[in-house]
Protein backbone atom coordinates (compact mmCIF):
# COMPACT_ATOMS: atom_id res chain seq x y z
CA MET A 1 35.09 41.07 98.08
CA THR A 2 35.31 40.41 94.52
CA GLU A 3 38.10 39.27 92.42
CA ALA A 4 38.16 43.33 91.08
CA ALA A 5 38.28 44.52 94.43
CA VAL A 6 41.20 42.38 95.34
CA ALA A 7 42.49 43.52 92.22
CA SER A 8 42.05 46.85 93.15
CA GLU A 9 43.86 46.59 96.01
CA ALA A 10 46.85 44.75 94.63
CA LEU A 11 47.67 48.01 92.05
CA PRO A 12 50.39 50.69 93.21
CA ALA A 13 49.40 54.02 94.59
CA LEU A 14 48.65 56.48 91.90
CA GLU A 15 49.61 60.12 92.26
CA SER A 16 49.36 62.47 89.71
CA LYS A 17 52.16 64.19 88.18
CA LEU A 18 49.19 67.18 87.06
CA PRO A 19 46.96 66.87 90.14
CA ALA A 20 44.85 70.06 89.86
CA VAL A 21 44.65 69.88 85.79
CA GLY A 22 41.29 68.30 84.45
CA THR A 23 39.72 68.66 80.79
CA THR A 24 41.05 72.25 79.45
CA ILE A 25 38.12 74.57 79.33
CA PHE A 26 38.25 74.95 75.24
CA THR A 27 36.93 71.29 74.92
CA VAL A 28 34.19 71.84 77.65
CA MET A 29 33.03 74.38 76.21
CA SER A 30 32.84 73.02 72.66
CA GLN A 31 30.78 70.03 74.13
CA LEU A 32 28.53 72.55 76.03
CA ALA A 33 28.17 74.26 72.65
CA GLN A 34 27.26 71.16 71.21
CA ALA A 35 25.18 69.44 74.01
CA HIS A 36 22.95 72.81 73.58
CA GLY A 37 23.47 73.52 69.56
CA ALA A 38 24.74 76.86 70.67
CA LEU A 39 27.00 78.92 67.99
CA ASN A 40 30.79 78.18 69.59
CA LEU A 41 32.83 81.13 69.74
CA SER A 42 34.53 79.14 72.45
CA GLN A 43 37.06 76.77 70.77
CA GLY A 44 40.05 78.63 68.33
CA PHE A 45 39.18 77.11 64.90
CA PRO A 46 37.71 78.52 61.56
CA ASP A 47 34.19 76.99 60.52
CA PHE A 48 35.16 77.30 57.32
CA ASP A 49 38.03 75.05 55.21
CA GLY A 50 41.21 75.65 54.27
CA PRO A 51 42.67 76.72 50.73
CA ALA A 52 41.25 74.60 47.58
CA ALA A 53 44.87 74.02 46.03
CA LEU A 54 46.53 72.99 49.13
CA LEU A 55 43.35 70.42 49.94
CA ASP A 56 44.15 69.06 46.30
CA ARG A 57 48.01 68.85 46.95
CA VAL A 58 46.86 66.12 50.20
CA SER A 59 45.05 64.31 47.91
CA HIS A 60 47.68 64.23 45.22
CA TYR A 61 49.97 62.68 48.13
CA LEU A 62 47.75 60.39 49.53
CA HIS A 63 47.46 58.64 46.02
CA HIS A 64 51.22 58.90 45.09
CA GLY A 65 52.65 56.79 47.64
CA ALA A 66 53.79 59.68 50.51
CA ASN A 67 51.74 57.61 53.21
CA GLN A 68 54.45 56.02 55.20
CA TYR A 69 56.98 57.55 58.04
CA ALA A 70 57.65 61.39 57.18
CA PRO A 71 61.83 62.15 58.36
CA MET A 72 61.65 62.63 61.87
CA MET A 73 62.73 65.64 62.03
CA GLY A 74 60.71 66.82 58.96
CA ALA A 75 60.18 66.36 55.38
CA SER A 76 62.85 68.07 53.78
CA ALA A 77 60.62 69.84 51.17
CA LEU A 78 58.77 71.55 53.99
CA ARG A 79 61.63 72.66 55.75
CA GLU A 80 63.45 74.10 52.70
CA ALA A 81 60.16 76.07 51.48
CA LEU A 82 59.83 77.15 55.93
CA ALA A 83 63.65 78.41 55.30
CA GLU A 84 62.83 80.35 52.25
CA LYS A 85 59.18 81.91 53.94
CA ILE A 86 61.66 82.77 57.12
CA ALA A 87 64.43 84.37 55.17
CA ALA A 88 61.55 86.57 53.03
CA ASP A 89 59.43 87.56 55.60
CA TYR A 90 61.90 88.37 58.48
CA GLY A 91 65.70 88.65 57.15
CA ALA A 92 66.69 85.50 58.85
CA VAL A 93 68.85 82.57 57.21
CA VAL A 94 68.02 79.72 58.98
CA ASP A 95 69.32 75.77 58.10
CA PRO A 96 66.53 73.71 57.40
CA ASP A 97 68.49 70.35 58.32
CA GLN A 98 70.24 72.23 61.32
CA GLU A 99 67.50 74.48 62.47
CA ILE A 100 64.19 73.64 61.63
CA THR A 101 61.71 70.60 63.03
CA ILE A 102 58.49 69.95 62.12
CA THR A 103 56.08 68.58 64.86
CA SER A 104 52.36 67.89 65.28
CA GLY A 105 51.02 71.04 66.30
CA ALA A 106 52.61 74.00 67.48
CA THR A 107 51.42 72.03 71.51
CA GLU A 108 53.80 69.48 70.88
CA ALA A 109 56.76 71.95 69.85
CA LEU A 110 55.77 74.06 72.95
CA PHE A 111 55.81 70.51 75.05
CA CYS A 112 59.43 69.43 73.56
CA ALA A 113 61.13 73.03 74.00
CA VAL A 114 60.28 73.36 77.29
CA GLN A 115 61.20 69.55 77.98
CA ALA A 116 64.49 70.01 76.30
CA VAL A 117 66.15 73.05 78.32
CA VAL A 118 64.18 72.73 82.05
CA ARG A 119 65.41 70.75 84.45
CA PRO A 120 64.51 70.34 88.01
CA GLY A 121 64.51 73.31 90.63
CA ASP A 122 64.48 75.55 87.10
CA GLU A 123 62.44 78.53 86.98
CA VAL A 124 60.14 79.84 83.99
CA VAL A 125 58.24 83.07 84.20
CA ILE A 126 54.78 82.81 82.14
CA PHE A 127 52.64 85.49 81.81
CA ASP A 128 49.33 85.23 82.43
CA PRO A 129 46.91 85.31 81.31
CA ALA A 130 48.32 82.13 79.36
CA TYR A 131 47.62 79.63 77.06
CA ASP A 132 47.19 76.89 79.07
CA SER A 133 50.01 73.99 77.82
CA TYR A 134 52.70 75.81 79.17
CA ASP A 135 52.54 75.92 82.60
CA PRO A 136 51.38 72.14 82.42
CA ALA A 137 55.46 71.53 80.83
CA VAL A 138 56.63 73.51 82.85
CA VAL A 139 55.70 71.08 85.67
CA MET A 140 56.53 67.91 84.08
CA ALA A 141 60.13 68.53 83.51
CA GLY A 142 60.48 69.56 87.09
CA GLY A 143 60.73 73.15 86.92
CA THR A 144 58.71 76.01 89.02
CA PRO A 145 56.16 77.69 86.88
CA VAL A 146 56.67 81.47 87.73
CA HIS A 147 54.03 83.10 86.53
CA LEU A 148 53.36 87.24 86.41
CA ALA A 149 49.90 89.12 85.80
CA LEU A 150 49.78 91.15 82.71
CA ALA A 151 47.86 94.05 83.76
CA ALA A 152 44.27 95.49 81.51
CA PRO A 153 43.82 97.18 79.60
CA SER A 154 46.61 97.17 77.57
CA PHE A 155 47.90 93.62 79.05
CA GLU A 156 51.40 95.33 78.53
CA ILE A 157 54.62 93.00 80.12
CA ASP A 158 55.81 95.11 83.07
CA PHE A 159 59.67 95.20 82.55
CA ASP A 160 60.25 96.44 86.96
CA ALA A 161 58.26 93.31 87.90
CA LEU A 162 59.50 90.59 85.28
CA GLU A 163 63.73 91.97 86.98
CA ALA A 164 62.14 91.43 90.41
CA VAL A 165 61.38 87.86 89.39
CA LEU A 166 64.50 87.00 87.32
CA SER A 167 67.44 85.13 89.22
CA SER A 168 69.91 82.33 88.60
CA ARG A 169 67.58 79.66 88.47
CA THR A 170 65.60 81.63 85.80
CA ARG A 171 66.07 79.38 83.04
CA ALA A 172 63.72 80.52 80.50
CA VAL A 173 60.79 83.28 79.77
CA VAL A 174 57.85 82.28 77.53
CA ILE A 175 56.32 84.87 75.49
CA ASN A 176 53.25 84.97 73.12
CA THR A 177 52.83 87.22 70.35
CA PRO A 178 50.07 88.25 68.48
CA HIS A 179 48.51 87.01 72.00
CA ASN A 180 46.14 84.31 73.22
CA PRO A 181 43.85 85.09 74.74
CA THR A 182 44.15 89.12 74.72
CA GLY A 183 44.91 89.68 71.04
CA THR A 184 47.70 92.30 72.05
CA VAL A 185 50.94 92.71 70.11
CA LEU A 186 54.61 93.27 71.51
CA SER A 187 56.55 95.85 70.22
CA GLU A 188 60.09 95.56 69.03
CA ALA A 189 60.82 98.06 72.08
CA ALA A 190 59.89 95.84 74.11
CA LEU A 191 60.91 92.02 72.80
CA LEU A 192 64.25 94.05 72.46
CA ARG A 193 64.28 94.81 76.22
CA LEU A 194 63.19 91.20 76.87
CA GLY A 195 66.04 90.06 75.10
CA ALA A 196 68.34 92.69 76.96
CA LEU A 197 67.57 90.99 80.33
CA ALA A 198 67.85 87.67 78.21
CA GLU A 199 71.76 87.92 77.93
CA ARG A 200 72.30 89.87 81.51
CA TYR A 201 70.13 86.73 83.20
CA GLY A 202 71.31 83.98 81.17
CA PHE A 203 67.60 82.31 79.93
CA TRP A 204 66.68 80.98 77.16
CA ILE A 205 63.21 82.39 75.27
CA LEU A 206 60.13 80.71 74.30
CA SER A 207 58.50 82.01 71.52
CA ASP A 208 55.01 81.35 70.69
CA GLU A 209 54.18 82.74 67.23
CA VAL A 210 51.05 80.89 66.40
CA TYR A 211 49.29 84.01 64.92
CA GLU A 212 52.47 85.40 63.61
CA HIS A 213 50.25 86.37 60.18
CA ILE A 214 47.36 87.34 62.06
CA ILE A 215 47.50 90.67 62.56
CA PHE A 216 46.29 94.22 62.08
CA ASP A 217 45.93 97.81 61.61
CA GLY A 218 49.08 97.79 59.16
CA GLN A 219 51.51 96.58 62.32
CA ARG A 220 54.70 94.64 61.65
CA HIS A 221 55.07 91.10 63.67
CA GLU A 222 57.90 91.09 65.72
CA SER A 223 59.55 87.67 65.47
CA VAL A 224 62.55 86.74 67.44
CA LEU A 225 64.03 85.60 64.07
CA ARG A 226 64.17 88.80 63.11
CA HIS A 227 67.04 89.75 66.02
CA PRO A 228 69.73 87.72 65.44
CA GLN A 229 70.69 88.54 69.70
CA LEU A 230 67.58 87.11 70.39
CA ALA A 231 67.23 83.87 67.70
CA ALA A 232 70.38 82.87 69.39
CA ARG A 233 68.81 82.08 72.74
CA SER A 234 65.31 81.21 71.16
CA PHE A 235 62.90 78.75 70.06
CA MET A 236 60.30 80.33 67.81
CA VAL A 237 57.05 78.07 67.62
CA SER A 238 54.61 78.51 64.84
CA SER A 239 51.55 76.79 63.38
CA LEU A 240 50.44 76.23 59.57
CA GLY A 241 46.80 75.09 60.75
CA LYS A 242 46.12 78.70 62.18
CA THR A 243 47.48 80.34 58.94
CA TYR A 244 45.94 78.13 56.65
CA HIS A 245 42.55 77.36 58.39
CA THR A 246 43.68 73.74 58.87
CA THR A 247 43.79 73.07 62.49
CA GLY A 248 43.05 69.58 62.44
CA TRP A 249 45.78 68.50 60.52
CA LYS A 250 48.04 69.40 63.93
CA ILE A 251 51.00 70.59 61.72
CA GLY A 252 53.37 73.21 63.83
CA TYR A 253 57.06 73.60 63.73
CA CYS A 254 59.92 74.74 66.03
CA VAL A 255 62.88 77.54 64.66
CA ALA A 256 65.96 76.98 66.91
CA PRO A 257 69.65 77.48 66.83
CA ALA A 258 71.35 73.80 65.80
CA ALA A 259 72.54 73.23 69.39
CA LEU A 260 68.91 73.59 70.88
CA THR A 261 67.29 72.29 68.24
CA ALA A 262 69.29 68.89 68.35
CA GLU A 263 67.97 68.94 72.04
CA PHE A 264 64.86 69.19 71.13
CA ARG A 265 64.86 66.38 68.57
CA LYS A 266 65.88 64.24 71.18
CA ILE A 267 62.27 64.47 73.29
CA HIS A 268 60.36 64.64 69.65
CA GLN A 269 61.60 61.60 68.65
CA TYR A 270 60.08 60.00 71.80
CA VAL A 271 56.64 61.83 71.71
CA THR A 272 55.89 61.68 67.95
CA PHE A 273 58.82 61.12 66.30
CA CYS A 274 57.14 62.23 62.98
CA THR A 275 54.24 64.11 61.82
CA HIS A 276 51.67 62.92 58.67
CA HIS A 277 53.69 62.88 55.78
CA PRO A 278 51.15 64.01 53.01
CA THR A 279 49.90 67.29 54.37
CA GLN A 280 54.14 68.26 55.21
CA LEU A 281 54.58 67.79 51.51
CA ALA A 282 50.99 69.64 50.59
CA HIS A 283 52.27 72.40 52.27
CA ALA A 284 55.64 72.52 50.78
CA ASP A 285 54.01 72.98 47.16
CA PHE A 286 51.22 75.84 48.88
CA LEU A 287 53.90 77.61 50.57
CA ARG A 288 56.16 77.60 47.59
CA GLU A 289 53.34 78.76 45.10
CA HIS A 290 50.65 80.99 46.88
CA PRO A 291 52.94 83.25 49.25
CA GLU A 292 50.33 85.66 49.22
CA HIS A 293 47.69 83.32 51.07
CA HIS A 294 49.77 84.40 54.04
CA ARG A 295 50.70 87.88 53.18
CA GLU A 296 46.90 88.47 52.75
CA LEU A 297 46.23 86.85 55.79
CA PRO A 298 45.74 89.85 58.05
CA ALA A 299 43.45 91.94 55.67
CA PHE A 300 41.04 88.71 55.80
CA TYR A 301 41.46 88.50 59.70
CA GLU A 302 41.21 91.98 60.11
CA ALA A 303 37.74 92.54 58.07
CA LYS A 304 36.25 89.29 60.31
CA ARG A 305 37.50 91.47 63.85
CA ASP A 306 35.96 94.99 62.07
CA ARG A 307 32.93 93.20 61.20
CA LEU A 308 32.37 91.57 64.63
CA ALA A 309 33.15 95.17 66.27
CA GLU A 310 30.49 96.43 64.05
CA LEU A 311 27.79 93.69 65.29
CA LEU A 312 28.53 93.99 68.54
CA ALA A 313 28.58 97.97 68.54
CA PRO A 314 25.25 98.37 69.50
CA SER A 315 25.65 95.85 72.72
CA ARG A 316 26.07 96.53 76.41
CA PHE A 317 29.52 94.83 75.94
CA HIS A 318 32.80 97.06 76.10
CA PHE A 319 35.79 96.41 73.51
CA THR A 320 39.32 97.50 72.35
CA PRO A 321 39.39 96.10 68.76
CA SER A 322 41.81 93.32 68.62
CA ALA A 323 45.19 93.99 67.69
CA GLY A 324 46.02 90.12 66.20
CA THR A 325 45.42 87.12 66.51
CA TYR A 326 41.70 85.89 65.69
CA PHE A 327 40.41 86.01 69.19
CA GLN A 328 38.13 89.56 70.48
CA LEU A 329 37.94 90.51 74.46
CA ILE A 330 34.51 91.85 75.73
CA ASP A 331 34.04 93.21 79.00
CA TYR A 332 30.78 92.68 79.91
CA ARG A 333 31.09 94.57 83.92
CA ASP A 334 28.02 96.60 82.74
CA ILE A 335 25.99 93.62 81.66
CA SER A 336 26.18 91.70 85.21
CA ASP A 337 28.93 90.86 88.95
CA GLU A 338 28.73 87.34 87.86
CA PRO A 339 32.09 85.51 87.80
CA ASP A 340 33.06 84.51 83.99
CA HIS A 341 33.31 80.98 85.01
CA LEU A 342 29.51 80.53 85.59
CA LEU A 343 28.84 83.60 82.86
CA ALA A 344 30.15 81.68 79.98
CA PRO A 345 28.33 78.31 80.39
CA ARG A 346 25.22 80.39 81.68
CA LEU A 347 25.60 81.67 78.53
CA THR A 348 25.74 79.16 76.20
CA GLU A 349 22.89 77.74 77.64
CA SER A 350 20.44 80.75 77.77
CA ILE A 351 21.35 82.61 74.62
CA GLY A 352 23.10 79.98 72.51
CA VAL A 353 26.88 81.54 71.72
CA ALA A 354 29.45 79.92 73.55
CA THR A 355 32.72 82.06 74.95
CA ILE A 356 36.13 81.86 76.99
CA PRO A 357 36.36 82.97 81.04
CA VAL A 358 39.41 84.78 80.38
CA SER A 359 39.63 83.68 84.32
CA VAL A 360 41.01 80.16 82.44
CA PHE A 361 43.98 81.55 81.45
CA TYR A 362 45.33 82.61 85.15
CA ALA A 363 47.02 81.17 87.92
CA ASP A 364 45.20 83.29 89.89
CA PRO A 365 42.87 85.11 88.00
CA PRO A 366 42.08 89.11 89.10
CA LYS A 367 39.09 89.19 91.28
CA ASP A 368 37.76 92.51 89.73
CA GLN A 369 37.92 91.49 86.00
CA ARG A 370 34.81 90.47 83.86
CA LEU A 371 36.23 89.17 80.49
CA LEU A 372 34.98 86.94 78.09
CA ARG A 373 37.16 85.65 74.99
CA LEU A 374 35.04 85.77 71.52
CA CYS A 375 36.75 83.64 68.03
CA PHE A 376 35.53 85.34 65.30
CA CYS A 377 37.12 83.07 62.46
CA LYS A 378 33.72 82.10 61.29
CA ASP A 379 32.13 82.79 58.56
CA GLU A 380 28.85 85.59 58.01
CA ALA A 381 26.10 84.09 58.59
CA THR A 382 27.45 82.96 62.45
CA LEU A 383 29.40 86.01 63.49
CA GLU A 384 25.81 87.54 62.41
CA GLN A 385 23.79 85.08 64.81
CA ALA A 386 25.89 85.46 67.59
CA ALA A 387 26.03 89.04 67.08
CA GLU A 388 22.49 89.23 67.64
CA ARG A 389 22.17 87.16 71.06
CA LEU A 390 24.96 88.98 72.43
CA CYS A 391 23.33 92.51 71.42
CA ALA A 392 19.60 91.31 73.15
CA ILE A 393 21.66 90.71 76.75
């Protein structure tokens, strides 16, 4: 027996905390797109850069001594700028010192929020299709995810089905609006109905609002922060990367009441401790000097959504234009009966367009659903080429 084999036999048994989890579909499809030289409409990042003025401010702080640790809760300048923005956008007064924490991306904020309140034996309701980080965060906290499917094509919450699974064990309900991957938007009436259930059953709300400024057709984003009774029992999570086309910087934040924030920060300080300092300070400056950026973002992405819809109109796909986010679902049932998890890789290889199979966002995928997700935060040439290839099917 070799020394390596002897050493291997002496190792303790390794039992995975996430035995069903592998590499995320976003990484898989992006790697496949790169391998085949495909147009990447799968992973949700723009193929254009952030605002020049924002990039200039990062460069400024890189060269002016902001290269050491930021405060654990985030640079005060950014937390204060976000408090001002929240007051202007949602009419909510939040304390930047006690109620806002800067995180290394929204995914870290979501993870820390779950770890802060979920204990072994607790249940957390997740609406499918759902962003793939929710379930593992609950499992790692010792909780039990309770998945409820949103029915196509509206993907609205079935409140009777929700109430049927609520109990004294329900610790939290996760919502996402505008919604990834469906592009739907939660109405004020639905949000208030959820708030009434939260008061009756005593659960927290984890509100994923990373696409808060990417909302179309004159709709108003219904943040939990607009409603004091909801804000009092909610973690609101958002992402500057989505708003400013800088997903690679991984700047997210969490807004929560002081007591929740205190527990949140106990987790955060042992996950990343702090987030890249120069980009925080740059965002603070840009938020104050260029508020028009996030105010004009709905029109910017609505034009891209409409252009993609125009380009796909001659195709054999069916779709309802997205109400929010920079994602568009397309129904391919008139083209193929192939399951989406097989069709998406095949299209990447055969026509050179990478998409995301929607079934991966479900714990129990609907058997008859035939949906792919496209990302339209791309430049005109990419959208035109991708649509031409999809229309040729």
